[in-house]
Amino acid sequence: MNRKTNRAAAIAVALSMFFTLASTDGSGAYAQESGLAAIPAEASEPTDADMPRFVASEVVQPLPGTAEEPASGVDIPLTLGELVTDMPVDAELSRDMRCLAQAIYFEARGEPLDGQLAVGRVVINRAESGVFPADYCGVVTQRAQFSFVRGGVIPKPDTSSSAWKRAVALAQIAHQELWDSPVKDALFFHATYVNPSWARKKVATATLARHVFYR
């Protein structure tokens, strides 16, 4: 083999080695940059134990801030009248609750329900004020406060009447704060047909039917 042939063969071998090395380096750089890990040729096929498992049943979770649906078959009263109708009125009353119902009955039994509830609210506000007696009976029988009371004695109501049953229901509603009353923190009231001197020193909160309420 002459010198020219030997030189050509050497060049061919060098070029072959160059292309082989260039091809190998290029595939390695791509794998690294793409974040893909090379998989060895001898790696075994994944088994069932290696595969992720999924739950077929649906998982339901309420969205934040959403209210729960009311229980099926439960009626929520939409009016004060419906709430009065739903209240139990035949159970034995405690002395204090009876005094509260009597105040509502004798002061406002001929008025709309919100007016009757407001009278009950005033009795409760007084008992909680720290200024008046701390119990309902003490508030109602306090001297010169309620016109239907004579000598510290509350008259007997007609307990068979529908007016009394409404008063009992409203007393429970007021006591348990089951319905908002527009009189809020009122401590005084008087009939609209009178103008007592003390009223000029108070702040009126509401007028309901035949009564004006003050704090």
Protein backbone atom coordinates (compact mmCIF):
# COMPACT_ATOMS: atom_id res chain seq x y z
CA MET A 1 0.00 0.00 0.00
CA ASN A 2 1.57 3.34 -1.05
CA ARG A 3 1.91 6.42 1.12
CA LYS A 4 -1.10 8.15 -0.43
CA THR A 5 -3.34 5.18 0.25
CA ASN A 6 -2.16 4.95 3.87
CA ARG A 7 -2.85 8.64 4.42
CA ALA A 8 -6.38 8.35 2.98
CA ALA A 9 -7.14 5.37 5.21
CA ALA A 10 -5.91 7.25 8.28
CA ILE A 11 -8.10 10.24 7.45
CA ALA A 12 -11.14 7.97 6.99
CA VAL A 13 -10.57 6.33 10.40
CA ALA A 14 -10.21 9.72 12.09
CA LEU A 15 -13.42 11.06 10.52
CA SER A 16 -15.32 7.93 11.62
CA MET A 17 -14.22 8.34 15.24
CA PHE A 18 -15.11 12.07 15.18
CA PHE A 19 -18.71 11.50 14.04
CA THR A 20 -19.20 8.69 16.57
CA LEU A 21 -18.11 10.92 19.49
CA ALA A 22 -20.20 13.89 18.27
CA SER A 23 -23.34 11.76 18.05
CA THR A 24 -22.90 10.42 21.60
CA ASP A 25 -22.31 13.87 23.20
CA GLY A 26 -25.31 15.40 21.47
CA SER A 27 -27.89 12.91 22.78
CA GLY A 28 -26.56 13.23 26.34
CA ALA A 29 -26.88 17.04 26.35
CA TYR A 30 -30.46 16.88 25.11
CA ALA A 31 -31.44 14.41 27.83
CA GLN A 32 -29.96 16.61 30.52
CA GLU A 33 -31.53 19.83 29.27
CA SER A 34 -34.98 18.28 28.81
CA GLY A 35 -34.98 16.81 32.33
CA LEU A 36 -35.41 13.27 31.04
CA ALA A 37 -33.51 10.47 32.77
CA ALA A 38 -32.00 7.78 30.61
CA ILE A 39 -33.62 4.37 31.11
CA PRO A 40 -31.13 1.50 31.23
CA ALA A 41 -31.69 -1.10 28.59
CA GLU A 42 -31.90 -3.84 31.21
CA ALA A 43 -34.72 -2.12 33.23
CA SER A 44 -37.75 -4.39 33.75
CA GLU A 45 -41.30 -3.52 32.68
CA PRO A 46 -43.45 -1.87 35.49
CA THR A 47 -45.71 -4.25 37.40
CA ASP A 48 -49.27 -3.65 38.74
CA ALA A 49 -47.79 -2.88 42.16
CA ASP A 50 -45.76 -0.02 40.68
CA MET A 51 -48.72 1.65 38.97
CA PRO A 52 -50.66 4.47 40.77
CA ARG A 53 -54.11 3.54 42.00
CA PHE A 54 -57.19 5.76 41.65
CA VAL A 55 -60.37 5.92 43.81
CA ALA A 56 -63.45 5.43 41.72
CA SER A 57 -65.92 7.05 44.14
CA GLU A 58 -66.55 10.82 43.95
CA VAL A 59 -65.34 12.99 46.83
CA VAL A 60 -67.68 15.91 47.52
CA GLN A 61 -66.59 18.86 49.68
CA PRO A 62 -68.59 22.09 50.22
CA LEU A 63 -67.03 25.25 48.86
CA PRO A 64 -65.71 27.72 51.48
CA GLY A 65 -68.34 30.21 52.58
CA THR A 66 -71.31 28.25 51.28
CA ALA A 67 -74.17 27.53 53.68
CA GLU A 68 -75.40 24.02 54.23
CA GLU A 69 -78.79 23.12 52.90
CA PRO A 70 -81.50 22.85 55.58
CA ALA A 71 -82.54 19.35 56.50
CA SER A 72 -85.23 17.91 54.30
CA GLY A 73 -88.72 18.32 55.72
CA VAL A 74 -87.78 21.12 58.15
CA ASP A 75 -89.88 24.27 57.72
CA ILE A 76 -88.18 27.55 58.63
CA PRO A 77 -90.74 30.17 59.79
CA LEU A 78 -90.89 33.08 57.37
CA THR A 79 -93.08 35.37 59.48
CA LEU A 80 -93.56 36.14 63.15
CA GLY A 81 -97.09 34.72 62.86
CA GLU A 82 -95.74 31.36 61.67
CA LEU A 83 -93.26 31.29 64.54
CA VAL A 84 -96.03 32.04 67.05
CA THR A 85 -98.08 29.18 65.61
CA ASP A 86 -95.12 26.78 65.94
CA MET A 87 -94.42 27.56 69.60
CA PRO A 88 -95.64 25.12 72.29
CA VAL A 89 -98.09 26.89 74.61
CA ASP A 90 -99.58 24.14 76.77
CA ALA A 91 -96.58 23.38 78.99
CA GLU A 92 -96.46 24.62 82.59
CA LEU A 93 -94.85 28.07 82.80
CA SER A 94 -92.30 29.13 85.38
CA ARG A 95 -93.29 32.06 87.58
CA ASP A 96 -91.02 34.44 85.68
CA MET A 97 -92.27 33.35 82.25
CA ARG A 98 -95.85 33.68 83.42
CA CYS A 99 -95.19 37.28 84.54
CA LEU A 100 -93.68 38.05 81.13
CA ALA A 101 -96.67 36.56 79.31
CA GLN A 102 -99.05 38.50 81.58
CA ALA A 103 -97.31 41.78 80.76
CA ILE A 104 -97.73 41.09 77.04
CA TYR A 105 -101.34 39.99 77.52
CA PHE A 106 -102.53 42.94 79.61
CA GLU A 107 -100.50 45.66 77.89
CA ALA A 108 -100.83 44.73 74.23
CA ARG A 109 -103.09 41.74 73.53
CA GLY A 110 -105.18 43.75 71.03
CA GLU A 111 -102.14 44.91 69.05
CA PRO A 112 -100.26 43.36 66.12
CA LEU A 113 -97.77 40.64 67.00
CA ASP A 114 -94.70 42.85 66.63
CA GLY A 115 -96.23 45.33 69.08
CA GLN A 116 -96.87 42.57 71.62
CA LEU A 117 -93.35 41.21 71.15
CA ALA A 118 -91.96 44.72 71.75
CA VAL A 119 -93.68 44.94 75.14
CA GLY A 120 -92.10 41.64 76.13
CA ARG A 121 -88.75 42.91 74.91
CA VAL A 122 -88.96 45.96 77.21
CA VAL A 123 -89.59 43.75 80.25
CA ILE A 124 -86.57 41.61 79.34
CA ASN A 125 -84.37 44.66 78.68
CA ARG A 126 -85.24 46.06 82.09
CA ALA A 127 -84.40 42.78 83.84
CA GLU A 128 -81.00 42.75 82.09
CA SER A 129 -80.23 46.45 82.58
CA GLY A 130 -78.94 46.39 86.15
CA VAL A 131 -81.15 49.44 86.89
CA PHE A 132 -84.51 47.68 87.32
CA PRO A 133 -85.27 44.45 89.22
CA ALA A 134 -83.32 41.49 87.84
CA ASP A 135 -86.30 39.17 87.24
CA TYR A 136 -89.41 39.51 85.08
CA CYS A 137 -91.88 39.41 87.94
CA GLY A 138 -89.92 42.08 89.81
CA VAL A 139 -89.96 44.29 86.71
CA VAL A 140 -93.70 43.86 86.08
CA THR A 141 -94.78 44.38 89.69
CA GLN A 142 -92.46 47.32 90.38
CA ARG A 143 -94.45 50.18 91.85
CA ALA A 144 -95.97 52.70 89.40
CA GLN A 145 -94.59 51.05 86.28
CA PHE A 146 -97.40 49.03 84.68
CA SER A 147 -100.94 50.35 84.90
CA PHE A 148 -102.61 46.93 84.96
CA VAL A 149 -100.85 46.02 88.23
CA ARG A 150 -102.76 46.96 91.38
CA GLY A 151 -100.96 46.92 94.73
CA GLY A 152 -98.19 44.74 93.35
CA VAL A 153 -100.67 42.10 92.19
CA ILE A 154 -101.05 41.00 88.55
CA PRO A 155 -104.65 40.16 87.51
CA LYS A 156 -105.47 36.66 86.32
CA PRO A 157 -105.68 36.31 82.53
CA ASP A 158 -108.24 34.22 80.65
CA THR A 159 -105.96 31.26 80.09
CA SER A 160 -108.47 29.59 77.74
CA SER A 161 -108.39 32.48 75.26
CA SER A 162 -106.38 32.60 72.05
CA ALA A 163 -104.98 35.95 73.19
CA TRP A 164 -103.36 34.29 76.20
CA LYS A 165 -101.89 31.50 74.07
CA ARG A 166 -100.37 34.11 71.76
CA ALA A 167 -98.95 35.96 74.75
CA VAL A 168 -97.37 32.75 76.02
CA ALA A 169 -95.86 32.05 72.61
CA LEU A 170 -94.53 35.60 72.29
CA ALA A 171 -93.07 35.49 75.80
CA GLN A 172 -91.05 32.43 74.81
CA ILE A 173 -89.96 34.02 71.53
CA ALA A 174 -88.83 37.19 73.30
CA HIS A 175 -87.09 35.29 76.11
CA GLN A 176 -85.20 33.03 73.68
CA GLU A 177 -84.51 35.89 71.23
CA LEU A 178 -85.98 33.91 68.34
CA TRP A 179 -87.16 37.01 66.47
CA ASP A 180 -85.67 40.49 66.18
CA SER A 181 -87.76 43.33 67.56
CA PRO A 182 -87.43 46.89 66.21
CA VAL A 183 -87.42 48.31 69.76
CA LYS A 184 -83.97 46.76 70.39
CA ASP A 185 -82.71 48.17 73.72
CA ALA A 186 -85.84 50.14 74.68
CA LEU A 187 -86.56 50.39 78.41
CA PHE A 188 -89.75 52.49 78.37
CA PHE A 189 -92.98 52.81 76.42
CA HIS A 190 -96.28 54.62 76.64
CA ALA A 191 -99.56 54.67 74.73
CA THR A 192 -99.72 57.01 71.75
CA TYR A 193 -102.74 58.84 73.22
CA VAL A 194 -100.79 60.14 76.23
CA ASN A 195 -97.76 62.44 76.48
CA PRO A 196 -95.95 61.87 79.79
CA SER A 197 -93.34 64.40 80.89
CA TRP A 198 -90.61 61.76 81.20
CA ALA A 199 -90.87 60.97 77.46
CA ARG A 200 -89.24 64.31 76.57
CA LYS A 201 -86.05 63.15 78.29
CA LYS A 202 -85.82 59.84 76.40
CA VAL A 203 -84.82 58.82 72.90
CA ALA A 204 -87.63 57.25 70.88
CA THR A 205 -86.66 54.00 69.16
CA ALA A 206 -89.91 52.92 67.48
CA THR A 207 -93.67 53.41 67.30
CA LEU A 208 -95.67 50.23 66.98
CA ALA A 209 -99.46 50.31 66.84
CA ARG A 210 -100.61 52.15 70.00
CA HIS A 211 -97.24 52.39 71.78
CA VAL A 212 -94.12 54.53 71.49
CA PHE A 213 -90.89 52.94 72.74
CA TYR A 214 -87.89 54.75 74.25
CA ARG A 215 -84.42 54.07 75.58
